[in-house]
């Protein structure tokens, strides 16, 4: 199994059409890059954020992202992250998805990803048992439920200046900083992302909350860091969007990880329900 650290060179892809990687990294930033192959990136523990041109994606434990070949992306890992990555040659596997997908991993898909990541570098994926394992991986990838753990990014150059690493400002503060009217900003956000600025900001807070809970921060620290007036205000917001409290979400995640799979009902909704700032 090719285990990688942050300082290890990436294995050579030439002469192969599939490659599995296992890694544990701490506070790692891949920088903007692209691969000639498609990539399955799966988080076993910790949390990974993946920035694309049009969206910011989040991978808490039990989630994976499919990144098509040639697509520029940047992966950032908070604290300790244990992940698996599988690279597939699109010329050899022509039916791979053409678009980015964030997916929930079933117990079977998780087990198959682990087997592929543990395979020897000289594994023959065109002969049994490797052939059967790869067919099962592709089949489970096709069946995996889509997750809405993403934040659409605006295309307007002025709005792209809004930082996504820290809490985005309130609309009136943003308007003052950009020298644009609040109505103009709201119209541009709706055009570019399909969300109002308020919905977009709340989606950011939700994804950041999931990320921080996945890295072990307490509810109090998460609530304070995301600008909520109190723990109870944050808990009410989280439950309104996810359907469970932060504590229940953490217990469900931990229980499902111990069982070897991930419960599917804890994904974020596609679009946030209307809610007011706390």
C-alpha atoms as a PDB file:
ATOM      1  CA  UNK A   1       0.000   0.000   0.000  1.00  0.00           C
ATOM      2  CA  UNK A   2       1.580   3.329  -1.022  1.00  0.00           C
ATOM      3  CA  UNK A   3       1.369   5.477   2.111  1.00  0.00           C
ATOM      4  CA  UNK A   4       2.212   9.112   1.490  1.00  0.00           C
ATOM      5  CA  UNK A   5       3.436  11.898   3.732  1.00  0.00           C
ATOM      6  CA  UNK A   6       3.497  15.576   2.797  1.00  0.00           C
ATOM      7  CA  UNK A   7       7.139  15.258   1.683  1.00  0.00           C
ATOM      8  CA  UNK A   8       6.832  12.082  -0.373  1.00  0.00           C
ATOM      9  CA  UNK A   9       6.944  12.276  -4.195  1.00  0.00           C
ATOM     10  CA  UNK A  10       3.742  11.281  -5.945  1.00  0.00           C
ATOM     11  CA  UNK A  11       3.885   7.790  -7.525  1.00  0.00           C
ATOM     12  CA  UNK A  12       4.376   7.674 -11.278  1.00  0.00           C
ATOM     13  CA  UNK A  13       1.113   7.227 -13.203  1.00  0.00           C
ATOM     14  CA  UNK A  14       2.725   6.128 -16.470  1.00  0.00           C
ATOM     15  CA  UNK A  15       2.202   2.469 -17.231  1.00  0.00           C
ATOM     16  CA  UNK A  16      -0.888   2.207 -15.016  1.00  0.00           C
ATOM     17  CA  UNK A  17      -4.554   3.039 -15.428  1.00  0.00           C
ATOM     18  CA  UNK A  18      -5.521   2.944 -11.742  1.00  0.00           C
ATOM     19  CA  UNK A  19      -3.721   3.853  -8.545  1.00  0.00           C
ATOM     20  CA  UNK A  20      -4.764   3.812  -4.890  1.00  0.00           C
ATOM     21  CA  UNK A  21      -3.209   5.985  -2.188  1.00  0.00           C
ATOM     22  CA  UNK A  22      -3.549   6.024   1.603  1.00  0.00           C
ATOM     23  CA  UNK A  23      -2.336   8.983   3.643  1.00  0.00           C
ATOM     24  CA  UNK A  24      -2.500  10.723   7.006  1.00  0.00           C
ATOM     25  CA  UNK A  25      -1.611  14.397   6.899  1.00  0.00           C
ATOM     26  CA  UNK A  26      -1.750  17.324   9.285  1.00  0.00           C
ATOM     27  CA  UNK A  27      -2.608  20.907   8.261  1.00  0.00           C
ATOM     28  CA  UNK A  28      -1.871  20.127   4.612  1.00  0.00           C
ATOM     29  CA  UNK A  29      -2.540  22.434   1.660  1.00  0.00           C
ATOM     30  CA  UNK A  30      -2.083  20.855  -1.769  1.00  0.00           C
ATOM     31  CA  UNK A  31      -2.071  24.181  -3.609  1.00  0.00           C
ATOM     32  CA  UNK A  32      -3.926  24.617  -6.875  1.00  0.00           C
ATOM     33  CA  UNK A  33      -3.181  21.679  -9.188  1.00  0.00           C
ATOM     34  CA  UNK A  34      -4.748  19.242 -11.637  1.00  0.00           C
ATOM     35  CA  UNK A  35      -4.360  15.580 -12.581  1.00  0.00           C
ATOM     36  CA  UNK A  36      -4.430  13.906 -16.007  1.00  0.00           C
ATOM     37  CA  UNK A  37      -6.647  11.256 -14.389  1.00  0.00           C
ATOM     38  CA  UNK A  38      -9.917  11.469 -12.500  1.00  0.00           C
ATOM     39  CA  UNK A  39      -9.718  11.268  -8.713  1.00  0.00           C
ATOM     40  CA  UNK A  40     -11.834   9.814  -5.929  1.00  0.00           C
ATOM     41  CA  UNK A  41     -10.920  11.536  -2.656  1.00  0.00           C
ATOM     42  CA  UNK A  42     -12.437   9.963   0.466  1.00  0.00           C
ATOM     43  CA  UNK A  43     -12.184  11.207   4.058  1.00  0.00           C
ATOM     44  CA  UNK A  44     -11.909   8.522   6.757  1.00  0.00           C
ATOM     45  CA  UNK A  45     -11.368  10.963   9.637  1.00  0.00           C
ATOM     46  CA  UNK A  46     -10.853  14.694   9.917  1.00  0.00           C
ATOM     47  CA  UNK A  47     -12.174  17.045   7.267  1.00  0.00           C
ATOM     48  CA  UNK A  48     -11.036  18.129   3.782  1.00  0.00           C
ATOM     49  CA  UNK A  49     -12.163  21.244   1.943  1.00  0.00           C
ATOM     50  CA  UNK A  50     -11.773  21.239  -1.829  1.00  0.00           C
ATOM     51  CA  UNK A  51     -11.838  24.537  -3.707  1.00  0.00           C
ATOM     52  CA  UNK A  52     -12.867  24.494  -7.371  1.00  0.00           C
ATOM     53  CA  UNK A  53     -13.431  27.412  -9.716  1.00  0.00           C
ATOM     54  CA  UNK A  54     -17.180  27.536  -9.122  1.00  0.00           C
ATOM     55  CA  UNK A  55     -17.647  25.969  -5.699  1.00  0.00           C
ATOM     56  CA  UNK A  56     -16.139  25.164  -2.331  1.00  0.00           C
ATOM     57  CA  UNK A  57     -16.735  21.538  -1.354  1.00  0.00           C
ATOM     58  CA  UNK A  58     -16.559  19.938   2.091  1.00  0.00           C
ATOM     59  CA  UNK A  59     -15.654  16.339   2.911  1.00  0.00           C
ATOM     60  CA  UNK A  60     -16.361  15.383   6.540  1.00  0.00           C
ATOM     61  CA  UNK A  61     -15.795  11.731   7.514  1.00  0.00           C
ATOM     62  CA  UNK A  62     -17.628   9.237   5.324  1.00  0.00           C
ATOM     63  CA  UNK A  63     -17.888  11.514   2.276  1.00  0.00           C
ATOM     64  CA  UNK A  64     -16.014  11.480  -1.012  1.00  0.00           C
ATOM     65  CA  UNK A  65     -15.612  13.741  -4.006  1.00  0.00           C
ATOM     66  CA  UNK A  66     -15.211  12.731  -7.618  1.00  0.00           C
ATOM     67  CA  UNK A  67     -12.907  15.172  -9.463  1.00  0.00           C
ATOM     68  CA  UNK A  68     -12.825  14.711 -13.264  1.00  0.00           C
ATOM     69  CA  UNK A  69      -9.508  14.630 -15.084  1.00  0.00           C
ATOM     70  CA  UNK A  70      -7.877  17.976 -15.791  1.00  0.00           C
ATOM     71  CA  UNK A  71     -10.019  19.988 -13.396  1.00  0.00           C
ATOM     72  CA  UNK A  72      -8.002  22.493 -11.305  1.00  0.00           C
ATOM     73  CA  UNK A  73      -8.591  22.065  -7.586  1.00  0.00           C
ATOM     74  CA  UNK A  74      -7.055  22.740  -4.192  1.00  0.00           C
ATOM     75  CA  UNK A  75      -7.407  20.454  -1.172  1.00  0.00           C
ATOM     76  CA  UNK A  76      -6.901  21.784   2.335  1.00  0.00           C
ATOM     77  CA  UNK A  77      -6.863  19.558   5.397  1.00  0.00           C
ATOM     78  CA  UNK A  78      -7.533  20.870   8.890  1.00  0.00           C
ATOM     79  CA  UNK A  79      -5.665  19.250  11.725  1.00  0.00           C
ATOM     80  CA  UNK A  80      -5.226  15.472  11.361  1.00  0.00           C
ATOM     81  CA  UNK A  81      -6.825  13.916   8.277  1.00  0.00           C
ATOM     82  CA  UNK A  82      -6.838  10.250   7.309  1.00  0.00           C
ATOM     83  CA  UNK A  83      -7.898   9.823   3.694  1.00  0.00           C
ATOM     84  CA  UNK A  84      -7.909   7.485   0.714  1.00  0.00           C
ATOM     85  CA  UNK A  85      -7.463   8.546  -2.894  1.00  0.00           C
ATOM     86  CA  UNK A  86      -8.014   6.548  -6.080  1.00  0.00           C
ATOM     87  CA  UNK A  87      -6.872   7.808  -9.490  1.00  0.00           C
ATOM     88  CA  UNK A  88      -8.487   6.443 -12.651  1.00  0.00           C
ATOM     89  CA  UNK A  89      -7.405   6.852 -16.261  1.00  0.00           C
ATOM     90  CA  UNK A  90     -10.428   8.214 -18.208  1.00  0.00           C
ATOM     91  CA  UNK A  91      -9.095   6.669 -21.415  1.00  0.00           C
ATOM     92  CA  UNK A  92      -9.331   3.229 -19.816  1.00  0.00           C
ATOM     93  CA  UNK A  93     -12.590   3.916 -17.967  1.00  0.00           C
ATOM     94  CA  UNK A  94     -14.630   6.014 -20.450  1.00  0.00           C
ATOM     95  CA  UNK A  95     -17.877   5.937 -18.426  1.00  0.00           C
ATOM     96  CA  UNK A  96     -16.558   7.924 -15.472  1.00  0.00           C
ATOM     97  CA  UNK A  97     -18.696  10.925 -14.402  1.00  0.00           C
ATOM     98  CA  UNK A  98     -18.035  14.108 -16.377  1.00  0.00           C
ATOM     99  CA  UNK A  99     -18.970  16.454 -13.518  1.00  0.00           C
ATOM    100  CA  UNK A 100     -17.807  16.972  -9.952  1.00  0.00           C
ATOM    101  CA  UNK A 101     -19.846  14.943  -7.473  1.00  0.00           C
ATOM    102  CA  UNK A 102     -19.883  14.874  -3.668  1.00  0.00           C
ATOM    103  CA  UNK A 103     -21.104  11.485  -2.508  1.00  0.00           C
ATOM    104  CA  UNK A 104     -21.927   9.562   0.631  1.00  0.00           C
ATOM    105  CA  UNK A 105     -20.001   6.313   1.051  1.00  0.00           C
ATOM    106  CA  UNK A 106     -21.848   3.117   1.935  1.00  0.00           C
ATOM    107  CA  UNK A 107     -20.152   0.404   3.978  1.00  0.00           C
ATOM    108  CA  UNK A 108     -19.444  -1.536   0.791  1.00  0.00           C
ATOM    109  CA  UNK A 109     -17.989   1.441  -1.059  1.00  0.00           C
ATOM    110  CA  UNK A 110     -15.844   2.281   1.959  1.00  0.00           C
ATOM    111  CA  UNK A 111     -14.526  -1.291   2.076  1.00  0.00           C
ATOM    112  CA  UNK A 112     -13.769  -1.324  -1.655  1.00  0.00           C
ATOM    113  CA  UNK A 113     -11.921   2.001  -1.484  1.00  0.00           C
ATOM    114  CA  UNK A 114      -9.832   0.592   1.352  1.00  0.00           C
ATOM    115  CA  UNK A 115      -8.986  -2.517  -0.654  1.00  0.00           C
ATOM    116  CA  UNK A 116      -7.950  -0.472  -3.686  1.00  0.00           C
ATOM    117  CA  UNK A 117      -5.851   1.862  -1.550  1.00  0.00           C
ATOM    118  CA  UNK A 118      -4.108  -1.140   0.026  1.00  0.00           C
ATOM    119  CA  UNK A 119      -3.353  -2.830  -3.295  1.00  0.00           C
ATOM    120  CA  UNK A 120       0.226  -3.213  -4.476  1.00  0.00           C
ATOM    121  CA  UNK A 121       1.487  -0.726  -7.025  1.00  0.00           C
ATOM    122  CA  UNK A 122       1.860  -3.547  -9.559  1.00  0.00           C
ATOM    123  CA  UNK A 123      -1.743  -4.737  -9.109  1.00  0.00           C
ATOM    124  CA  UNK A 124      -3.261  -5.825 -12.456  1.00  0.00           C
ATOM    125  CA  UNK A 125      -6.711  -4.230 -12.604  1.00  0.00           C
ATOM    126  CA  UNK A 126      -7.598  -6.053 -15.840  1.00  0.00           C
ATOM    127  CA  UNK A 127      -7.342  -9.518 -14.328  1.00  0.00           C
ATOM    128  CA  UNK A 128      -9.146 -11.164 -11.421  1.00  0.00           C
ATOM    129  CA  UNK A 129      -9.312 -10.360  -8.557  1.00  0.00           C
ATOM    130  CA  UNK A 130      -8.372  -6.742  -9.363  1.00  0.00           C
ATOM    131  CA  UNK A 131     -10.821  -6.626 -12.283  1.00  0.00           C
ATOM    132  CA  UNK A 132     -13.766  -7.626 -10.068  1.00  0.00           C
ATOM    133  CA  UNK A 133     -12.730  -5.152  -7.367  1.00  0.00           C
ATOM    134  CA  UNK A 134     -12.551  -2.292  -9.858  1.00  0.00           C
ATOM    135  CA  UNK A 135     -15.929  -3.170 -11.383  1.00  0.00           C
ATOM    136  CA  UNK A 136     -17.450  -3.152  -7.909  1.00  0.00           C
ATOM    137  CA  UNK A 137     -15.857   0.206  -7.142  1.00  0.00           C
ATOM    138  CA  UNK A 138     -17.270   1.790 -10.293  1.00  0.00           C
ATOM    139  CA  UNK A 139     -20.701   0.256  -9.669  1.00  0.00           C
ATOM    140  CA  UNK A 140     -20.844   1.522  -6.068  1.00  0.00           C
ATOM    141  CA  UNK A 141     -19.623   4.948  -7.187  1.00  0.00           C
ATOM    142  CA  UNK A 142     -22.555   5.128  -9.597  1.00  0.00           C
ATOM    143  CA  UNK A 143     -25.043   4.168  -6.860  1.00  0.00           C
ATOM    144  CA  UNK A 144     -23.647   6.428  -4.121  1.00  0.00           C
ATOM    145  CA  UNK A 145     -26.081   9.135  -2.939  1.00  0.00           C
ATOM    146  CA  UNK A 146     -25.175  12.696  -3.825  1.00  0.00           C
ATOM    147  CA  UNK A 147     -24.513  15.106  -0.987  1.00  0.00           C
ATOM    148  CA  UNK A 148     -24.997  18.885  -0.985  1.00  0.00           C
ATOM    149  CA  UNK A 149     -21.910  19.738   1.022  1.00  0.00           C
ATOM    150  CA  UNK A 150     -20.812  22.594  -1.201  1.00  0.00           C
ATOM    151  CA  UNK A 151     -20.856  26.356  -1.411  1.00  0.00           C
ATOM    152  CA  UNK A 152     -21.336  27.875  -4.890  1.00  0.00           C
ATOM    153  CA  UNK A 153     -18.849  30.664  -5.583  1.00  0.00           C
ATOM    154  CA  UNK A 154     -19.855  33.858  -7.405  1.00  0.00           C
ATOM    155  CA  UNK A 155     -18.345  34.620 -10.807  1.00  0.00           C
ATOM    156  CA  UNK A 156     -18.345  38.416 -10.461  1.00  0.00           C
ATOM    157  CA  UNK A 157     -14.770  39.659  -9.930  1.00  0.00           C
ATOM    158  CA  UNK A 158     -15.772  41.986  -7.082  1.00  0.00           C
ATOM    159  CA  UNK A 159     -17.555  39.229  -5.213  1.00  0.00           C
ATOM    160  CA  UNK A 160     -14.652  36.811  -5.681  1.00  0.00           C
ATOM    161  CA  UNK A 161     -12.713  39.078  -3.306  1.00  0.00           C
ATOM    162  CA  UNK A 162     -14.889  37.919  -0.415  1.00  0.00           C
ATOM    163  CA  UNK A 163     -12.686  35.605   1.711  1.00  0.00           C
ATOM    164  CA  UNK A 164     -14.047  32.119   2.321  1.00  0.00           C
ATOM    165  CA  UNK A 165     -11.517  31.206   5.031  1.00  0.00           C
ATOM    166  CA  UNK A 166     -13.142  33.534   7.571  1.00  0.00           C
ATOM    167  CA  UNK A 167     -16.745  34.455   8.376  1.00  0.00           C
ATOM    168  CA  UNK A 168     -18.107  36.564   5.483  1.00  0.00           C
ATOM    169  CA  UNK A 169     -19.281  39.993   6.665  1.00  0.00           C
ATOM    170  CA  UNK A 170     -22.901  41.055   6.997  1.00  0.00           C
ATOM    171  CA  UNK A 171     -24.431  42.482   3.815  1.00  0.00           C
ATOM    172  CA  UNK A 172     -24.226  46.127   4.894  1.00  0.00           C
ATOM    173  CA  UNK A 173     -20.558  45.740   5.852  1.00  0.00           C
ATOM    174  CA  UNK A 174     -19.777  43.986   2.575  1.00  0.00           C
ATOM    175  CA  UNK A 175     -21.512  46.730   0.586  1.00  0.00           C
ATOM    176  CA  UNK A 176     -19.402  49.357   2.326  1.00  0.00           C
ATOM    177  CA  UNK A 177     -16.169  47.452   1.649  1.00  0.00           C
ATOM    178  CA  UNK A 178     -16.934  46.858  -2.018  1.00  0.00           C
ATOM    179  CA  UNK A 179     -18.407  50.283  -2.669  1.00  0.00           C
ATOM    180  CA  UNK A 180     -21.552  48.722  -4.120  1.00  0.00           C
ATOM    181  CA  UNK A 181     -25.194  48.898  -3.120  1.00  0.00           C
ATOM    182  CA  UNK A 182     -26.771  46.100  -1.127  1.00  0.00           C
ATOM    183  CA  UNK A 183     -29.358  45.510  -3.851  1.00  0.00           C
ATOM    184  CA  UNK A 184     -26.595  45.199  -6.459  1.00  0.00           C
ATOM    185  CA  UNK A 185     -24.713  42.653  -4.372  1.00  0.00           C
ATOM    186  CA  UNK A 186     -27.876  40.657  -3.715  1.00  0.00           C
ATOM    187  CA  UNK A 187     -28.759  40.638  -7.420  1.00  0.00           C
ATOM    188  CA  UNK A 188     -25.269  39.469  -8.436  1.00  0.00           C
ATOM    189  CA  UNK A 189     -25.249  36.711  -5.822  1.00  0.00           C
ATOM    190  CA  UNK A 190     -28.628  35.432  -6.931  1.00  0.00           C
ATOM    191  CA  UNK A 191     -27.467  35.474 -10.560  1.00  0.00           C
ATOM    192  CA  UNK A 192     -24.155  33.691  -9.923  1.00  0.00           C
ATOM    193  CA  UNK A 193     -25.034  31.223  -7.156  1.00  0.00           C
ATOM    194  CA  UNK A 194     -28.818  30.873  -7.134  1.00  0.00           C
ATOM    195  CA  UNK A 195     -28.779  32.005  -3.484  1.00  0.00           C
ATOM    196  CA  UNK A 196     -29.334  35.339  -1.858  1.00  0.00           C
ATOM    197  CA  UNK A 197     -26.302  36.685  -0.015  1.00  0.00           C
ATOM    198  CA  UNK A 198     -27.957  35.859   3.290  1.00  0.00           C
ATOM    199  CA  UNK A 199     -28.571  32.254   2.213  1.00  0.00           C
ATOM    200  CA  UNK A 200     -25.010  32.011   0.863  1.00  0.00           C
ATOM    201  CA  UNK A 201     -23.546  33.314   4.122  1.00  0.00           C
ATOM    202  CA  UNK A 202     -25.639  30.876   6.138  1.00  0.00           C
ATOM    203  CA  UNK A 203     -24.562  27.995   3.889  1.00  0.00           C
ATOM    204  CA  UNK A 204     -20.960  29.017   4.569  1.00  0.00           C
ATOM    205  CA  UNK A 205     -21.637  28.961   8.297  1.00  0.00           C
ATOM    206  CA  UNK A 206     -23.241  25.524   8.077  1.00  0.00           C
ATOM    207  CA  UNK A 207     -20.357  23.982   6.135  1.00  0.00           C
ATOM    208  CA  UNK A 208     -17.805  25.598   8.433  1.00  0.00           C
ATOM    209  CA  UNK A 209     -19.707  24.286  11.459  1.00  0.00           C
ATOM    210  CA  UNK A 210     -19.639  20.730  10.068  1.00  0.00           C
ATOM    211  CA  UNK A 211     -15.923  21.091   9.324  1.00  0.00           C
ATOM    212  CA  UNK A 212     -15.083  22.358  12.794  1.00  0.00           C
ATOM    213  CA  UNK A 213     -17.214  19.743  14.553  1.00  0.00           C
ATOM    214  CA  UNK A 214     -15.441  17.070  12.483  1.00  0.00           C
ATOM    215  CA  UNK A 215     -12.066  18.309  13.734  1.00  0.00           C
ATOM    216  CA  UNK A 216     -13.142  18.020  17.372  1.00  0.00           C
ATOM    217  CA  UNK A 217     -13.997  21.601  18.330  1.00  0.00           C
ATOM    218  CA  UNK A 218     -16.643  22.044  21.016  1.00  0.00           C
ATOM    219  CA  UNK A 219     -20.100  23.421  20.293  1.00  0.00           C
ATOM    220  CA  UNK A 220     -19.244  26.533  22.296  1.00  0.00           C
ATOM    221  CA  UNK A 221     -16.103  27.260  20.279  1.00  0.00           C
ATOM    222  CA  UNK A 222     -17.883  26.649  16.981  1.00  0.00           C
ATOM    223  CA  UNK A 223     -20.819  28.869  17.931  1.00  0.00           C
ATOM    224  CA  UNK A 224     -18.549  31.687  19.068  1.00  0.00           C
ATOM    225  CA  UNK A 225     -16.225  31.481  16.059  1.00  0.00           C
ATOM    226  CA  UNK A 226     -19.117  31.587  13.602  1.00  0.00           C
ATOM    227  CA  UNK A 227     -20.691  34.665  15.133  1.00  0.00           C
ATOM    228  CA  UNK A 228     -23.726  33.137  16.844  1.00  0.00           C
ATOM    229  CA  UNK A 229     -25.102  35.056  19.813  1.00  0.00           C
ATOM    230  CA  UNK A 230     -25.216  31.921  21.978  1.00  0.00           C
ATOM    231  CA  UNK A 231     -24.771  28.157  21.957  1.00  0.00           C
ATOM    232  CA  UNK A 232     -28.535  27.735  21.865  1.00  0.00           C
ATOM    233  CA  UNK A 233     -28.834  29.956  18.781  1.00  0.00           C
ATOM    234  CA  UNK A 234     -26.216  27.847  16.990  1.00  0.00           C
ATOM    235  CA  UNK A 235     -27.848  24.574  18.062  1.00  0.00           C
ATOM    236  CA  UNK A 236     -31.237  25.768  16.803  1.00  0.00           C
ATOM    237  CA  UNK A 237     -29.714  26.843  13.464  1.00  0.00           C
ATOM    238  CA  UNK A 238     -27.860  23.545  13.030  1.00  0.00           C
ATOM    239  CA  UNK A 239     -30.906  21.451  13.875  1.00  0.00           C
ATOM    240  CA  UNK A 240     -33.081  23.483  11.477  1.00  0.00           C
ATOM    241  CA  UNK A 241     -30.703  22.721   8.611  1.00  0.00           C
ATOM    242  CA  UNK A 242     -29.472  19.193   9.386  1.00  0.00           C
ATOM    243  CA  UNK A 243     -32.428  17.812  11.326  1.00  0.00           C
ATOM    244  CA  UNK A 244     -30.392  16.917  14.427  1.00  0.00           C
ATOM    245  CA  UNK A 245     -28.474  18.883  17.050  1.00  0.00           C
ATOM    246  CA  UNK A 246     -24.656  19.196  16.786  1.00  0.00           C
ATOM    247  CA  UNK A 247     -24.269  16.683  19.618  1.00  0.00           C
ATOM    248  CA  UNK A 248     -26.565  14.180  17.906  1.00  0.00           C
ATOM    249  CA  UNK A 249     -24.742  14.730  14.620  1.00  0.00           C
ATOM    250  CA  UNK A 250     -21.395  13.950  16.255  1.00  0.00           C
ATOM    251  CA  UNK A 251     -22.760  10.819  17.963  1.00  0.00           C
ATOM    252  CA  UNK A 252     -24.348   9.573  14.739  1.00  0.00           C
ATOM    253  CA  UNK A 253     -21.082  10.117  12.886  1.00  0.00           C
ATOM    254  CA  UNK A 254     -19.019   8.366  15.550  1.00  0.00           C
ATOM    255  CA  UNK A 255     -21.436   5.433  15.817  1.00  0.00           C
ATOM    256  CA  UNK A 256     -21.554   4.933  12.052  1.00  0.00           C
ATOM    257  CA  UNK A 257     -17.754   5.145  11.746  1.00  0.00           C
ATOM    258  CA  UNK A 258     -17.379   2.485  14.443  1.00  0.00           C
ATOM    259  CA  UNK A 259     -19.823   0.302  12.512  1.00  0.00           C
ATOM    260  CA  UNK A 260     -17.683   0.676   9.386  1.00  0.00           C
ATOM    261  CA  UNK A 261     -20.059   2.899   7.416  1.00  0.00           C
ATOM    262  CA  UNK A 262     -21.644   6.342   7.400  1.00  0.00           C
ATOM    263  CA  UNK A 263     -25.295   7.155   8.015  1.00  0.00           C
ATOM    264  CA  UNK A 264     -26.810   8.861   5.032  1.00  0.00           C
ATOM    265  CA  UNK A 265     -29.305  11.177   6.658  1.00  0.00           C
ATOM    266  CA  UNK A 266     -26.745  13.682   7.978  1.00  0.00           C
ATOM    267  CA  UNK A 267     -25.907  15.452   4.712  1.00  0.00           C
ATOM    268  CA  UNK A 268     -26.555  19.177   4.314  1.00  0.00           C
ATOM    269  CA  UNK A 269     -29.650  20.276   2.371  1.00  0.00           C
ATOM    270  CA  UNK A 270     -29.271  21.450  -1.199  1.00  0.00           C
ATOM    271  CA  UNK A 271     -30.426  24.988  -0.354  1.00  0.00           C
ATOM    272  CA  UNK A 272     -30.674  26.441   3.106  1.00  0.00           C
ATOM    273  CA  UNK A 273     -34.064  27.247   4.505  1.00  0.00           C
ATOM    274  CA  UNK A 274     -34.654  30.949   5.163  1.00  0.00           C
ATOM    275  CA  UNK A 275     -33.248  31.996   8.511  1.00  0.00           C
ATOM    276  CA  UNK A 276     -32.092  35.145  10.193  1.00  0.00           C
ATOM    277  CA  UNK A 277     -28.591  35.989  11.397  1.00  0.00           C
ATOM    278  CA  UNK A 278     -27.819  35.108  15.002  1.00  0.00           C
END
